[in-house]
N, C-alpha and C. Protein backbone atom coordinates (compact mmCIF):
# COMPACT_ATOMS: atom_id res chain seq x y z
N PRO A 1 146.10 50.48 67.65
CA PRO A 1 144.91 51.20 68.07
C PRO A 1 144.71 52.39 67.17
N ALA A 2 143.52 52.61 66.85
CA ALA A 2 143.18 53.61 65.85
C ALA A 2 142.92 54.97 66.44
N GLY A 3 142.83 55.21 67.70
CA GLY A 3 142.57 56.52 68.29
C GLY A 3 141.11 56.68 68.66
N PRO A 4 140.76 57.85 69.12
CA PRO A 4 139.38 58.04 69.57
C PRO A 4 138.41 57.98 68.40
N ALA A 5 137.20 57.64 68.72
CA ALA A 5 136.16 57.58 67.70
C ALA A 5 135.87 58.98 67.18
N PRO A 6 135.41 59.11 65.93
CA PRO A 6 135.16 60.43 65.35
C PRO A 6 134.20 61.28 66.18
N SER A 7 133.21 60.71 66.82
CA SER A 7 132.25 61.52 67.59
C SER A 7 132.91 62.09 68.83
N ALA A 8 133.84 61.38 69.44
CA ALA A 8 134.55 61.89 70.61
C ALA A 8 135.47 63.02 70.21
N THR A 9 136.12 62.95 69.07
CA THR A 9 137.00 64.00 68.59
C THR A 9 136.19 65.27 68.32
N GLY A 10 135.06 65.12 67.71
CA GLY A 10 134.19 66.27 67.42
C GLY A 10 133.72 66.95 68.69
N ALA A 11 133.44 66.14 69.70
CA ALA A 11 132.99 66.70 70.97
C ALA A 11 134.10 67.49 71.64
N LEU A 12 135.35 66.97 71.55
CA LEU A 12 136.47 67.69 72.14
C LEU A 12 136.73 69.01 71.42
N VAL A 13 136.63 69.02 70.08
CA VAL A 13 136.83 70.24 69.31
C VAL A 13 135.74 71.26 69.64
N LEU A 14 134.52 70.80 69.75
CA LEU A 14 133.40 71.69 70.08
C LEU A 14 133.58 72.29 71.48
N ALA A 15 133.98 71.47 72.46
CA ALA A 15 134.20 71.96 73.82
C ALA A 15 135.30 73.00 73.85
N GLY A 16 136.37 72.78 73.11
CA GLY A 16 137.46 73.75 73.06
C GLY A 16 137.01 75.05 72.44
N ALA A 17 136.24 74.98 71.36
CA ALA A 17 135.75 76.18 70.69
C ALA A 17 134.82 76.98 71.62
N LEU A 18 133.97 76.27 72.36
CA LEU A 18 133.08 76.95 73.30
C LEU A 18 133.86 77.64 74.41
N ALA A 19 134.91 76.99 74.89
CA ALA A 19 135.73 77.59 75.95
C ALA A 19 136.41 78.85 75.45
N VAL A 20 136.94 78.83 74.25
CA VAL A 20 137.60 80.01 73.67
C VAL A 20 136.58 81.12 73.46
N GLY A 21 135.41 80.77 72.93
CA GLY A 21 134.36 81.77 72.69
C GLY A 21 133.89 82.41 73.99
N LEU A 22 133.75 81.60 75.04
CA LEU A 22 133.34 82.14 76.33
C LEU A 22 134.40 83.09 76.88
N GLY A 23 135.65 82.75 76.75
CA GLY A 23 136.73 83.61 77.22
C GLY A 23 136.75 84.94 76.49
N VAL A 24 136.54 84.91 75.18
CA VAL A 24 136.52 86.15 74.39
C VAL A 24 135.32 87.01 74.79
N TRP A 25 134.18 86.36 74.98
CA TRP A 25 132.96 87.10 75.34
C TRP A 25 133.13 87.75 76.72
N LEU A 26 133.67 87.05 77.69
CA LEU A 26 133.87 87.61 79.03
C LEU A 26 134.87 88.76 79.01
N ALA A 27 135.93 88.63 78.21
CA ALA A 27 136.93 89.70 78.13
C ALA A 27 136.33 90.94 77.50
N ALA A 28 135.50 90.78 76.50
CA ALA A 28 134.87 91.92 75.83
C ALA A 28 133.86 92.60 76.76
N ASP A 29 133.17 91.83 77.61
CA ASP A 29 132.16 92.37 78.51
C ASP A 29 132.81 93.21 79.62
N ARG A 30 134.01 92.91 80.02
CA ARG A 30 134.69 93.67 81.08
C ARG A 30 135.09 95.06 80.61
N GLY A 31 135.26 95.24 79.33
CA GLY A 31 135.67 96.54 78.80
C GLY A 31 134.55 97.56 78.80
N ARG A 32 133.30 97.15 78.96
CA ARG A 32 132.17 98.08 78.96
C ARG A 32 132.09 98.79 80.31
N PRO A 33 131.74 100.08 80.28
CA PRO A 33 131.59 100.79 81.56
C PRO A 33 130.33 100.30 82.29
N ALA A 34 130.37 100.37 83.59
CA ALA A 34 129.22 99.96 84.40
C ALA A 34 128.07 100.94 84.18
N ALA A 35 126.87 100.45 84.30
CA ALA A 35 125.69 101.31 84.15
C ALA A 35 125.68 102.34 85.27
N PRO A 36 125.32 103.58 84.97
CA PRO A 36 125.28 104.61 86.03
C PRO A 36 124.19 104.26 87.05
N PRO A 37 124.37 104.63 88.30
CA PRO A 37 123.35 104.33 89.32
C PRO A 37 122.08 105.12 89.00
N PRO A 38 120.93 104.59 89.37
CA PRO A 38 119.69 105.31 89.10
C PRO A 38 119.64 106.62 89.88
N GLU A 39 119.05 107.61 89.29
CA GLU A 39 118.95 108.92 89.94
C GLU A 39 117.86 108.87 91.01
N PRO A 40 118.05 109.57 92.11
CA PRO A 40 117.01 109.56 93.16
C PRO A 40 115.74 110.24 92.64
N LEU A 41 114.61 109.80 93.19
CA LEU A 41 113.34 110.38 92.80
C LEU A 41 113.25 111.82 93.27
N PRO A 42 112.63 112.67 92.48
CA PRO A 42 112.41 114.04 92.95
C PRO A 42 111.49 114.02 94.17
N LYS A 43 111.63 115.01 95.04
CA LYS A 43 110.84 115.03 96.27
C LYS A 43 109.34 115.10 96.00
N ALA A 44 108.95 115.63 94.87
CA ALA A 44 107.52 115.74 94.57
C ALA A 44 106.89 114.36 94.38
N ILE A 45 107.67 113.35 94.06
CA ILE A 45 107.14 112.01 93.81
C ILE A 45 107.27 111.12 95.03
N LEU A 46 108.11 111.47 95.97
CA LEU A 46 108.29 110.65 97.16
C LEU A 46 107.00 110.59 97.96
N PRO A 47 106.72 109.46 98.62
CA PRO A 47 105.49 109.37 99.41
C PRO A 47 105.51 110.36 100.57
N VAL A 48 104.35 110.88 100.88
CA VAL A 48 104.20 111.85 101.95
C VAL A 48 103.86 111.10 103.23
N ARG A 49 104.53 111.43 104.31
CA ARG A 49 104.23 110.80 105.59
C ARG A 49 102.90 111.32 106.11
N ARG A 50 102.08 110.39 106.55
CA ARG A 50 100.81 110.77 107.15
C ARG A 50 101.01 111.05 108.63
N ALA A 51 100.22 111.94 109.13
CA ALA A 51 100.29 112.23 110.56
C ALA A 51 99.88 110.98 111.33
N ALA A 52 100.54 110.75 112.43
CA ALA A 52 100.23 109.59 113.25
C ALA A 52 98.83 109.74 113.84
N ALA A 53 98.08 108.66 113.81
CA ALA A 53 96.73 108.68 114.35
C ALA A 53 96.81 108.70 115.87
N ALA A 54 95.81 109.29 116.47
CA ALA A 54 95.73 109.29 117.93
C ALA A 54 95.28 107.92 118.39
N GLU A 55 95.64 107.56 119.62
CA GLU A 55 95.15 106.31 120.20
C GLU A 55 94.18 106.66 121.29
N ILE A 56 92.97 106.13 121.16
CA ILE A 56 91.93 106.39 122.15
C ILE A 56 91.54 105.06 122.78
N ALA A 57 91.58 105.02 124.09
CA ALA A 57 91.17 103.83 124.84
C ALA A 57 89.91 104.16 125.63
N LEU A 58 88.98 103.22 125.65
CA LEU A 58 87.73 103.41 126.37
C LEU A 58 87.51 102.20 127.26
N SER A 59 87.24 102.47 128.53
CA SER A 59 86.91 101.39 129.47
C SER A 59 85.67 101.81 130.24
N SER A 60 85.12 100.86 130.99
CA SER A 60 83.88 101.16 131.71
C SER A 60 83.92 100.57 133.11
N ASP A 61 83.40 101.35 134.09
CA ASP A 61 83.30 100.87 135.47
C ASP A 61 82.10 99.94 135.65
N GLU A 62 81.14 100.03 134.74
CA GLU A 62 79.92 99.20 134.78
C GLU A 62 79.64 98.69 133.37
N ASP A 63 78.83 97.63 133.28
CA ASP A 63 78.40 97.17 131.97
C ASP A 63 77.67 98.31 131.27
N SER A 64 77.99 98.53 130.02
CA SER A 64 77.37 99.63 129.28
C SER A 64 77.26 99.25 127.81
N TRP A 65 76.15 99.60 127.21
CA TRP A 65 76.01 99.42 125.77
C TRP A 65 76.62 100.65 125.11
N ILE A 66 77.45 100.42 124.08
CA ILE A 66 78.04 101.56 123.37
C ILE A 66 77.97 101.32 121.87
N ARG A 67 78.02 102.40 121.16
CA ARG A 67 78.18 102.39 119.70
C ARG A 67 79.34 103.34 119.43
N ALA A 68 80.38 102.82 118.76
CA ALA A 68 81.57 103.63 118.48
C ALA A 68 81.74 103.80 116.98
N GLU A 69 81.95 105.03 116.58
CA GLU A 69 82.22 105.36 115.18
C GLU A 69 83.59 106.02 115.10
N VAL A 70 84.47 105.47 114.27
CA VAL A 70 85.79 106.04 114.05
C VAL A 70 85.80 106.67 112.67
N ASP A 71 86.00 107.98 112.62
CA ASP A 71 86.03 108.72 111.36
C ASP A 71 84.78 108.44 110.51
N GLY A 72 83.62 108.35 111.18
CA GLY A 72 82.36 108.18 110.48
C GLY A 72 81.97 106.74 110.17
N VAL A 73 82.78 105.76 110.56
CA VAL A 73 82.50 104.35 110.28
C VAL A 73 82.23 103.63 111.60
N VAL A 74 81.09 102.92 111.68
CA VAL A 74 80.77 102.18 112.90
C VAL A 74 81.76 101.03 113.03
N VAL A 75 82.52 101.02 114.15
CA VAL A 75 83.52 99.98 114.38
C VAL A 75 83.11 99.03 115.50
N PHE A 76 82.17 99.45 116.33
CA PHE A 76 81.69 98.58 117.39
C PHE A 76 80.31 99.03 117.82
N GLU A 77 79.44 98.04 118.07
CA GLU A 77 78.12 98.32 118.63
C GLU A 77 77.76 97.12 119.47
N GLY A 78 77.67 97.33 120.78
CA GLY A 78 77.36 96.21 121.66
C GLY A 78 77.67 96.54 123.10
N ARG A 79 77.75 95.49 123.90
CA ARG A 79 77.97 95.64 125.35
C ARG A 79 79.45 95.72 125.64
N LEU A 80 79.82 96.73 126.39
CA LEU A 80 81.18 96.86 126.91
C LEU A 80 81.12 96.43 128.36
N PRO A 81 81.65 95.24 128.68
CA PRO A 81 81.56 94.74 130.05
C PRO A 81 82.40 95.57 131.02
N ARG A 82 82.01 95.53 132.28
CA ARG A 82 82.75 96.22 133.33
C ARG A 82 84.21 95.75 133.31
N GLY A 83 85.14 96.72 133.32
CA GLY A 83 86.57 96.41 133.33
C GLY A 83 87.18 96.17 131.97
N ALA A 84 86.38 96.01 130.92
CA ALA A 84 86.92 95.78 129.58
C ALA A 84 87.44 97.09 129.00
N GLU A 85 88.36 96.98 128.06
CA GLU A 85 88.92 98.16 127.41
C GLU A 85 88.94 97.94 125.91
N MET A 86 88.60 98.97 125.18
CA MET A 86 88.67 98.93 123.73
C MET A 86 89.56 100.08 123.28
N LYS A 87 90.28 99.87 122.17
CA LYS A 87 91.18 100.91 121.65
C LYS A 87 90.91 101.14 120.17
N TRP A 88 91.04 102.41 119.77
CA TRP A 88 90.88 102.80 118.38
C TRP A 88 91.94 103.83 118.03
N ALA A 89 92.17 104.01 116.74
CA ALA A 89 93.15 105.00 116.26
C ALA A 89 92.52 105.87 115.18
N PRO A 90 91.66 106.81 115.58
CA PRO A 90 91.03 107.69 114.59
C PRO A 90 92.01 108.74 114.06
N THR A 91 91.75 109.19 112.85
CA THR A 91 92.55 110.29 112.31
C THR A 91 91.81 111.61 112.46
N ARG A 92 90.46 111.56 112.61
CA ARG A 92 89.69 112.79 112.79
C ARG A 92 88.90 112.80 114.10
N GLU A 93 88.05 111.78 114.29
CA GLU A 93 87.23 111.79 115.49
C GLU A 93 86.72 110.41 115.86
N LEU A 94 86.36 110.28 117.14
CA LEU A 94 85.66 109.12 117.65
C LEU A 94 84.32 109.64 118.17
N ALA A 95 83.23 109.04 117.70
CA ALA A 95 81.90 109.43 118.16
C ALA A 95 81.31 108.25 118.92
N LEU A 96 80.80 108.50 120.12
CA LEU A 96 80.27 107.45 120.98
C LEU A 96 78.82 107.73 121.34
N ARG A 97 78.05 106.66 121.48
CA ARG A 97 76.74 106.68 122.12
C ARG A 97 76.83 105.64 123.21
N ALA A 98 76.22 105.90 124.35
CA ALA A 98 76.31 104.96 125.46
C ALA A 98 75.08 105.03 126.33
N THR A 99 74.76 103.88 126.96
CA THR A 99 73.63 103.86 127.89
C THR A 99 74.03 104.43 129.24
N ASP A 100 75.30 104.29 129.62
CA ASP A 100 75.77 104.80 130.91
C ASP A 100 77.09 105.54 130.68
N ALA A 101 77.00 106.74 130.13
CA ALA A 101 78.20 107.50 129.80
C ALA A 101 79.01 107.85 131.04
N GLY A 102 78.38 107.95 132.20
CA GLY A 102 79.09 108.27 133.42
C GLY A 102 80.05 107.17 133.86
N ALA A 103 79.85 105.95 133.39
CA ALA A 103 80.72 104.83 133.77
C ALA A 103 81.93 104.70 132.84
N LEU A 104 81.95 105.48 131.75
CA LEU A 104 83.03 105.35 130.77
C LEU A 104 84.26 106.15 131.20
N LYS A 105 85.41 105.58 130.95
CA LYS A 105 86.70 106.23 131.19
C LYS A 105 87.40 106.36 129.85
N LEU A 106 87.81 107.57 129.52
CA LEU A 106 88.41 107.87 128.22
C LEU A 106 89.88 108.24 128.41
N VAL A 107 90.77 107.65 127.60
CA VAL A 107 92.20 107.96 127.63
C VAL A 107 92.62 108.26 126.19
N VAL A 108 93.16 109.45 125.96
CA VAL A 108 93.60 109.86 124.62
C VAL A 108 95.12 110.01 124.65
N ASN A 109 95.80 109.22 123.83
CA ASN A 109 97.28 109.23 123.77
C ASN A 109 97.91 109.12 125.16
N GLY A 110 97.35 108.25 125.99
CA GLY A 110 97.90 108.00 127.32
C GLY A 110 97.46 108.97 128.40
N THR A 111 96.66 109.97 128.05
CA THR A 111 96.22 110.98 129.03
C THR A 111 94.72 110.84 129.29
N PRO A 112 94.32 110.63 130.54
CA PRO A 112 92.88 110.56 130.85
C PRO A 112 92.18 111.88 130.49
N ARG A 113 91.00 111.74 129.89
CA ARG A 113 90.21 112.93 129.53
C ARG A 113 88.77 112.70 129.92
N ALA A 114 88.10 113.78 130.24
CA ALA A 114 86.66 113.70 130.52
C ALA A 114 85.92 113.52 129.20
N LEU A 115 84.84 112.79 129.26
CA LEU A 115 84.00 112.63 128.08
C LEU A 115 83.34 113.98 127.78
N PRO A 116 83.39 114.45 126.54
CA PRO A 116 82.77 115.75 126.24
C PRO A 116 81.25 115.68 126.37
N ALA A 117 80.63 116.83 126.42
CA ALA A 117 79.17 116.88 126.48
C ALA A 117 78.60 116.33 125.17
N PRO A 118 77.45 115.66 125.24
CA PRO A 118 76.86 115.11 124.01
C PRO A 118 76.35 116.22 123.10
N ASP A 119 76.37 115.93 121.79
CA ASP A 119 75.82 116.89 120.83
C ASP A 119 74.31 116.70 120.75
N ALA A 120 73.66 117.40 119.83
CA ALA A 120 72.20 117.33 119.71
C ALA A 120 71.70 115.93 119.36
N ASP A 121 72.55 115.11 118.71
CA ASP A 121 72.17 113.74 118.35
C ASP A 121 72.45 112.74 119.47
N GLY A 122 72.99 113.21 120.59
CA GLY A 122 73.31 112.31 121.69
C GLY A 122 74.66 111.63 121.56
N ARG A 123 75.48 112.09 120.64
CA ARG A 123 76.82 111.51 120.45
C ARG A 123 77.84 112.30 121.26
N TYR A 124 78.76 111.57 121.83
CA TYR A 124 79.91 112.16 122.51
C TYR A 124 81.05 112.14 121.50
N ARG A 125 81.44 113.29 121.00
CA ARG A 125 82.46 113.37 119.95
C ARG A 125 83.81 113.75 120.53
N VAL A 126 84.80 112.92 120.24
CA VAL A 126 86.17 113.19 120.67
C VAL A 126 86.97 113.47 119.42
N GLU A 127 87.31 114.73 119.21
CA GLU A 127 88.06 115.12 118.02
C GLU A 127 89.55 115.03 118.30
N VAL A 128 90.29 114.58 117.30
CA VAL A 128 91.75 114.49 117.43
C VAL A 128 92.38 115.43 116.43
N GLN A 129 93.53 115.96 116.78
CA GLN A 129 94.23 116.89 115.90
C GLN A 129 95.12 116.09 114.95
N PRO A 130 95.14 116.45 113.64
CA PRO A 130 96.01 115.73 112.69
C PRO A 130 97.47 116.02 112.93
């Protein structure tokens, strides 16, 4: 028998050389110091926490048409059925217009509040503190 074919011998030599090269490369890589941990961001760049928005709930004892604006944006305009409740989270104010303001029940952050007197435009403005 003449031994392995020349292509098989070449493959064995190549595999051995790759194994030795890999071992040398891994040993050399272990000698390097680890990268230092990243430095924390300065406080001036960290995100600023926003004040929590107030939660305002509105319900009605009778069917009532309302228009609700949260921070100047109309978020609802239509009929609020008797017993229904709507909730919003304004950061500045809730402005309401209603056909039957006396039927509305207002709760701000879990505390019942009276609806304020309407302004000159007929809006009931509920301001929240930031």
